[in-house]
Structure formats: C-alpha cells, structure tokens
Amino acid sequence: MAGQYPDKIKTLPLYDGRFDAYKLSAENSDVLFASYPAGTSIPIHKHDTDNYGVITRGELILTVGDKVQRFGVGDWYHVPALVEHSAEFELETDEIEFWFKKASK
C-alpha cells in the first residue's frame, strides 16, 4: 500500500473495503489512514457512520447530492451518516478519516 504515513501507522491492520487504508479501532469509532491512487473513483454509497476527514496529500472531489466540492491539503470535510455521496481522486491522495458510530445505549 502506498502512502506517506509514518512506519508506526503502517503497522496497523489493513482496512478491508473499497480503498486502501490502515485502521485504528476505538470504542464507537474507527480511524482510517487512507491512500488513493490517481484516477480512483468511488461510486455513490452511504455509511451508517458520521464521517470526518482531513486531506494530507493530494485532493478529494466529494459529491453530495448536487453539490460538488474540492478539498485540498489541510482541508476537513464531513459526510453525515446515511447521506449518499461519491468521491474522486484525480491526484494521488492520502487522508485521515474518522468514522463515528452511534453510541450504544
């Protein structure tokens, strides 16, 4: 897996999903250190988690409904739970994503 993450991050388990990431699990949340090759496209989907992310290299093109936004290095984005969205990465991109699950009662 590519990416500009420190060696310690690279010792985390790999995320098993539509993209490459190292996964740090915590109670009611996951932290993903994700890398996307240039040209990656993730089709419309939704999560049952409330997602926040910060771009650390490259650029994310995020589509939510009719709204298309570009996020560059240092930019944070938010995708609420159960909201359909898609993502494109024209450039080789790394990001850190925080996936917050609903707290169990």
N, C-alpha and C. Protein backbone atom coordinates (compact mmCIF):
# COMPACT_ATOMS: atom_id res chain seq x y z
N MET A 1 0.85 -1.18 0.00
CA MET A 1 0.00 0.00 0.00
C MET A 1 0.89 1.23 0.00
N ALA A 2 0.55 2.18 -0.85
CA ALA A 2 1.30 3.44 -0.91
C ALA A 2 0.88 4.35 0.24
N GLY A 3 1.42 5.52 0.28
CA GLY A 3 1.02 6.49 1.30
C GLY A 3 2.22 7.05 2.02
N GLN A 4 2.06 8.25 2.52
CA GLN A 4 3.14 8.97 3.19
C GLN A 4 3.00 8.91 4.70
N TYR A 5 2.60 7.76 5.23
CA TYR A 5 2.37 7.65 6.67
C TYR A 5 3.62 7.15 7.38
N PRO A 6 3.79 7.54 8.65
CA PRO A 6 4.94 7.05 9.43
C PRO A 6 4.91 5.53 9.56
N ASP A 7 6.08 4.93 9.75
CA ASP A 7 6.19 3.48 9.86
C ASP A 7 5.27 2.91 10.94
N LYS A 8 5.10 3.61 12.04
CA LYS A 8 4.23 3.12 13.13
C LYS A 8 2.79 2.97 12.64
N ILE A 9 2.30 3.92 11.86
CA ILE A 9 0.95 3.83 11.31
C ILE A 9 0.84 2.60 10.41
N LYS A 10 1.89 2.33 9.67
CA LYS A 10 1.88 1.20 8.72
C LYS A 10 1.87 -0.16 9.43
N THR A 11 2.01 -0.18 10.75
CA THR A 11 1.91 -1.44 11.49
C THR A 11 0.46 -1.75 11.88
N LEU A 12 -0.46 -0.80 11.68
CA LEU A 12 -1.88 -1.03 11.99
C LEU A 12 -2.47 -2.03 11.01
N PRO A 13 -3.56 -2.71 11.40
CA PRO A 13 -4.22 -3.65 10.48
C PRO A 13 -4.76 -2.91 9.25
N LEU A 14 -4.82 -3.63 8.13
CA LEU A 14 -5.37 -3.05 6.92
C LEU A 14 -6.89 -3.06 6.98
N TYR A 15 -7.49 -1.99 6.47
CA TYR A 15 -8.94 -1.88 6.34
C TYR A 15 -9.38 -2.76 5.17
N ASP A 16 -10.47 -3.49 5.34
CA ASP A 16 -11.00 -4.37 4.30
C ASP A 16 -12.21 -3.67 3.66
N GLY A 17 -11.95 -2.89 2.61
CA GLY A 17 -13.03 -2.12 1.98
C GLY A 17 -12.68 -1.72 0.57
N ARG A 18 -13.35 -0.68 0.05
CA ARG A 18 -13.21 -0.24 -1.34
C ARG A 18 -11.94 0.55 -1.61
N PHE A 19 -11.14 0.81 -0.60
CA PHE A 19 -9.91 1.59 -0.78
C PHE A 19 -8.87 1.07 0.20
N ASP A 20 -7.63 1.47 0.01
CA ASP A 20 -6.53 1.05 0.89
C ASP A 20 -6.42 1.97 2.08
N ALA A 21 -6.35 1.39 3.27
CA ALA A 21 -6.22 2.19 4.48
C ALA A 21 -5.68 1.33 5.61
N TYR A 22 -5.01 1.98 6.56
CA TYR A 22 -4.65 1.36 7.82
C TYR A 22 -5.74 1.75 8.81
N LYS A 23 -6.17 0.82 9.66
CA LYS A 23 -7.32 1.06 10.53
C LYS A 23 -6.93 1.03 12.00
N LEU A 24 -7.29 2.10 12.71
CA LEU A 24 -7.13 2.18 14.15
C LEU A 24 -8.52 2.15 14.75
N SER A 25 -8.85 1.09 15.47
CA SER A 25 -10.18 0.94 16.04
C SER A 25 -10.23 1.51 17.45
N ALA A 26 -11.36 2.08 17.78
CA ALA A 26 -11.60 2.61 19.12
C ALA A 26 -13.09 2.40 19.41
N GLU A 27 -13.48 2.54 20.66
CA GLU A 27 -14.88 2.34 21.01
C GLU A 27 -15.75 3.36 20.27
N ASN A 28 -16.72 2.87 19.53
CA ASN A 28 -17.68 3.68 18.78
C ASN A 28 -17.08 4.51 17.65
N SER A 29 -15.84 4.18 17.23
CA SER A 29 -15.24 4.91 16.11
C SER A 29 -14.09 4.10 15.50
N ASP A 30 -13.76 4.46 14.28
CA ASP A 30 -12.58 3.93 13.61
C ASP A 30 -11.84 5.12 13.02
N VAL A 31 -10.52 5.00 12.95
CA VAL A 31 -9.69 5.99 12.29
C VAL A 31 -8.99 5.27 11.15
N LEU A 32 -9.15 5.80 9.93
CA LEU A 32 -8.55 5.20 8.75
C LEU A 32 -7.50 6.14 8.17
N PHE A 33 -6.34 5.60 7.87
CA PHE A 33 -5.26 6.33 7.22
C PHE A 33 -5.27 5.82 5.77
N ALA A 34 -5.98 6.53 4.90
CA ALA A 34 -6.30 6.03 3.56
C ALA A 34 -5.41 6.64 2.49
N SER A 35 -5.15 5.82 1.45
CA SER A 35 -4.39 6.25 0.28
C SER A 35 -5.15 5.88 -0.98
N TYR A 36 -5.18 6.80 -1.93
CA TYR A 36 -5.90 6.58 -3.18
C TYR A 36 -4.97 6.88 -4.35
N PRO A 37 -4.78 5.94 -5.27
CA PRO A 37 -4.01 6.24 -6.48
C PRO A 37 -4.75 7.27 -7.33
N ALA A 38 -4.00 8.04 -8.10
CA ALA A 38 -4.62 8.99 -9.03
C ALA A 38 -5.59 8.25 -9.93
N GLY A 39 -6.76 8.84 -10.15
CA GLY A 39 -7.77 8.23 -11.01
C GLY A 39 -8.78 7.36 -10.27
N THR A 40 -8.64 7.25 -8.94
CA THR A 40 -9.59 6.46 -8.16
C THR A 40 -10.95 7.13 -8.15
N SER A 41 -11.99 6.32 -8.33
CA SER A 41 -13.37 6.82 -8.27
C SER A 41 -14.16 5.87 -7.39
N ILE A 42 -14.86 6.41 -6.39
CA ILE A 42 -15.70 5.63 -5.50
C ILE A 42 -17.14 6.01 -5.80
N PRO A 43 -17.94 5.04 -6.29
CA PRO A 43 -19.31 5.36 -6.70
C PRO A 43 -20.21 5.75 -5.52
N ILE A 44 -21.40 6.21 -5.85
CA ILE A 44 -22.38 6.64 -4.85
C ILE A 44 -22.62 5.52 -3.84
N HIS A 45 -22.55 5.90 -2.57
CA HIS A 45 -22.76 4.96 -1.46
C HIS A 45 -23.10 5.77 -0.22
N LYS A 46 -23.38 5.08 0.87
CA LYS A 46 -23.62 5.75 2.14
C LYS A 46 -23.08 4.87 3.26
N HIS A 47 -22.87 5.48 4.42
CA HIS A 47 -22.35 4.80 5.60
C HIS A 47 -23.35 4.96 6.74
N ASP A 48 -23.28 4.05 7.70
CA ASP A 48 -24.08 4.23 8.91
C ASP A 48 -23.26 4.97 9.97
N THR A 49 -22.13 5.53 9.54
CA THR A 49 -21.26 6.30 10.44
C THR A 49 -21.25 7.77 10.04
N ASP A 50 -20.95 8.63 11.00
CA ASP A 50 -20.77 10.06 10.79
C ASP A 50 -19.29 10.25 10.49
N ASN A 51 -18.94 10.67 9.27
CA ASN A 51 -17.55 10.67 8.83
C ASN A 51 -16.97 12.08 8.71
N TYR A 52 -15.77 12.24 9.26
CA TYR A 52 -14.99 13.46 9.12
C TYR A 52 -13.64 13.06 8.53
N GLY A 53 -13.06 13.90 7.71
CA GLY A 53 -11.76 13.58 7.15
C GLY A 53 -10.94 14.83 6.91
N VAL A 54 -9.61 14.62 6.85
CA VAL A 54 -8.69 15.71 6.52
C VAL A 54 -7.73 15.18 5.46
N ILE A 55 -7.53 15.98 4.43
CA ILE A 55 -6.64 15.61 3.33
C ILE A 55 -5.21 15.96 3.74
N THR A 56 -4.30 14.98 3.61
CA THR A 56 -2.90 15.21 3.98
C THR A 56 -1.98 15.27 2.76
N ARG A 57 -2.48 14.82 1.61
CA ARG A 57 -1.74 14.91 0.34
C ARG A 57 -2.74 14.75 -0.78
N GLY A 58 -2.61 15.55 -1.82
CA GLY A 58 -3.49 15.44 -2.98
C GLY A 58 -4.79 16.21 -2.84
N GLU A 59 -5.88 15.63 -3.36
CA GLU A 59 -7.16 16.34 -3.39
C GLU A 59 -8.32 15.36 -3.49
N LEU A 60 -9.39 15.65 -2.76
CA LEU A 60 -10.64 14.90 -2.81
C LEU A 60 -11.68 15.73 -3.54
N ILE A 61 -12.38 15.10 -4.48
CA ILE A 61 -13.55 15.72 -5.11
C ILE A 61 -14.76 14.95 -4.57
N LEU A 62 -15.52 15.60 -3.71
CA LEU A 62 -16.62 14.96 -3.00
C LEU A 62 -17.95 15.47 -3.56
N THR A 63 -18.83 14.55 -3.92
CA THR A 63 -20.16 14.90 -4.41
C THR A 63 -21.19 14.41 -3.42
N VAL A 64 -22.00 15.35 -2.92
CA VAL A 64 -23.10 15.04 -2.01
C VAL A 64 -24.33 15.69 -2.64
N GLY A 65 -25.27 14.85 -3.10
CA GLY A 65 -26.42 15.39 -3.83
C GLY A 65 -25.95 16.06 -5.10
N ASP A 66 -26.36 17.32 -5.32
CA ASP A 66 -25.94 18.08 -6.50
C ASP A 66 -24.71 18.93 -6.23
N LYS A 67 -24.19 18.87 -5.01
CA LYS A 67 -23.07 19.73 -4.62
C LYS A 67 -21.73 19.00 -4.78
N VAL A 68 -20.84 19.59 -5.58
CA VAL A 68 -19.50 19.04 -5.79
C VAL A 68 -18.50 20.00 -5.14
N GLN A 69 -17.65 19.46 -4.25
CA GLN A 69 -16.65 20.28 -3.57
C GLN A 69 -15.28 19.65 -3.71
N ARG A 70 -14.25 20.49 -3.78
CA ARG A 70 -12.86 20.04 -3.81
C ARG A 70 -12.22 20.36 -2.47
N PHE A 71 -11.50 19.37 -1.93
CA PHE A 71 -10.81 19.53 -0.66
C PHE A 71 -9.33 19.21 -0.89
N GLY A 72 -8.46 20.17 -0.52
CA GLY A 72 -7.03 20.00 -0.69
C GLY A 72 -6.34 19.76 0.64
N VAL A 73 -5.04 19.77 0.61
CA VAL A 73 -4.23 19.50 1.80
C VAL A 73 -4.62 20.44 2.93
N GLY A 74 -4.91 19.85 4.08
CA GLY A 74 -5.29 20.60 5.27
C GLY A 74 -6.78 20.86 5.40
N ASP A 75 -7.53 20.58 4.33
CA ASP A 75 -8.98 20.81 4.37
C ASP A 75 -9.69 19.64 5.04
N TRP A 76 -10.68 19.98 5.87
CA TRP A 76 -11.54 19.00 6.53
C TRP A 76 -12.86 18.93 5.80
N TYR A 77 -13.45 17.74 5.78
CA TYR A 77 -14.79 17.58 5.22
C TYR A 77 -15.62 16.73 6.19
N HIS A 78 -16.93 16.75 5.98
CA HIS A 78 -17.85 15.98 6.82
C HIS A 78 -18.93 15.38 5.93
N VAL A 79 -19.20 14.09 6.13
CA VAL A 79 -20.32 13.41 5.48
C VAL A 79 -21.17 12.81 6.58
N PRO A 80 -22.37 13.33 6.79
CA PRO A 80 -23.24 12.79 7.85
C PRO A 80 -23.64 11.34 7.56
N ALA A 81 -23.98 10.63 8.61
CA ALA A 81 -24.44 9.24 8.49
C ALA A 81 -25.65 9.16 7.55
N LEU A 82 -25.68 8.11 6.75
CA LEU A 82 -26.79 7.75 5.87
C LEU A 82 -27.02 8.74 4.71
N VAL A 83 -26.05 9.60 4.43
CA VAL A 83 -26.14 10.54 3.31
C VAL A 83 -25.38 9.96 2.12
N GLU A 84 -26.05 9.83 0.98
CA GLU A 84 -25.40 9.30 -0.21
C GLU A 84 -24.36 10.30 -0.73
N HIS A 85 -23.21 9.75 -1.15
CA HIS A 85 -22.11 10.58 -1.65
C HIS A 85 -21.20 9.73 -2.53
N SER A 86 -20.37 10.40 -3.31
CA SER A 86 -19.35 9.72 -4.11
C SER A 86 -18.06 10.53 -4.01
N ALA A 87 -16.94 9.89 -4.39
CA ALA A 87 -15.64 10.55 -4.27
C ALA A 87 -14.78 10.25 -5.49
N GLU A 88 -13.97 11.22 -5.87
CA GLU A 88 -13.00 11.05 -6.95
C GLU A 88 -11.67 11.62 -6.51
N PHE A 89 -10.61 11.01 -7.01
CA PHE A 89 -9.26 11.44 -6.68
C PHE A 89 -8.47 11.52 -7.98
N GLU A 90 -8.36 12.74 -8.55
CA GLU A 90 -7.60 12.93 -9.78
C GLU A 90 -6.11 12.81 -9.51
N LEU A 91 -5.70 13.17 -8.30
CA LEU A 91 -4.30 13.12 -7.88
C LEU A 91 -4.10 12.00 -6.88
N GLU A 92 -2.88 11.50 -6.76
CA GLU A 92 -2.56 10.56 -5.70
C GLU A 92 -2.84 11.27 -4.38
N THR A 93 -3.64 10.65 -3.51
CA THR A 93 -4.16 11.35 -2.34
C THR A 93 -4.07 10.48 -1.09
N ASP A 94 -3.75 11.11 0.03
CA ASP A 94 -3.79 10.49 1.36
C ASP A 94 -4.73 11.32 2.22
N GLU A 95 -5.40 10.64 3.13
CA GLU A 95 -6.26 11.34 4.07
C GLU A 95 -6.38 10.54 5.36
N ILE A 96 -6.80 11.22 6.39
CA ILE A 96 -7.13 10.57 7.66
C ILE A 96 -8.62 10.76 7.85
N GLU A 97 -9.33 9.63 8.03
CA GLU A 97 -10.78 9.64 8.17
C GLU A 97 -11.18 9.16 9.56
N PHE A 98 -12.16 9.81 10.13
CA PHE A 98 -12.71 9.45 11.43
C PHE A 98 -14.15 9.02 11.21
N TRP A 99 -14.46 7.76 11.50
CA TRP A 99 -15.79 7.21 11.30
C TRP A 99 -16.42 6.99 12.68
N PHE A 100 -17.41 7.81 13.02
CA PHE A 100 -18.06 7.75 14.33
C PHE A 100 -19.35 6.96 14.25
N LYS A 101 -19.43 5.88 15.03
CA LYS A 101 -20.62 5.05 15.09
C LYS A 101 -21.57 5.63 16.14
N LYS A 102 -22.86 5.29 15.98
CA LYS A 102 -23.81 5.68 17.02
C LYS A 102 -23.43 5.01 18.32
N ALA A 103 -23.43 5.74 19.39
CA ALA A 103 -23.11 5.15 20.70
C ALA A 103 -24.18 4.16 21.08
N SER A 104 -23.74 3.00 21.61
CA SER A 104 -24.74 2.02 22.06
C SER A 104 -25.34 2.46 23.37
N LYS A 105 -26.60 2.12 23.52
CA LYS A 105 -27.32 2.56 24.72
C LYS A 105 -27.25 1.51 25.78
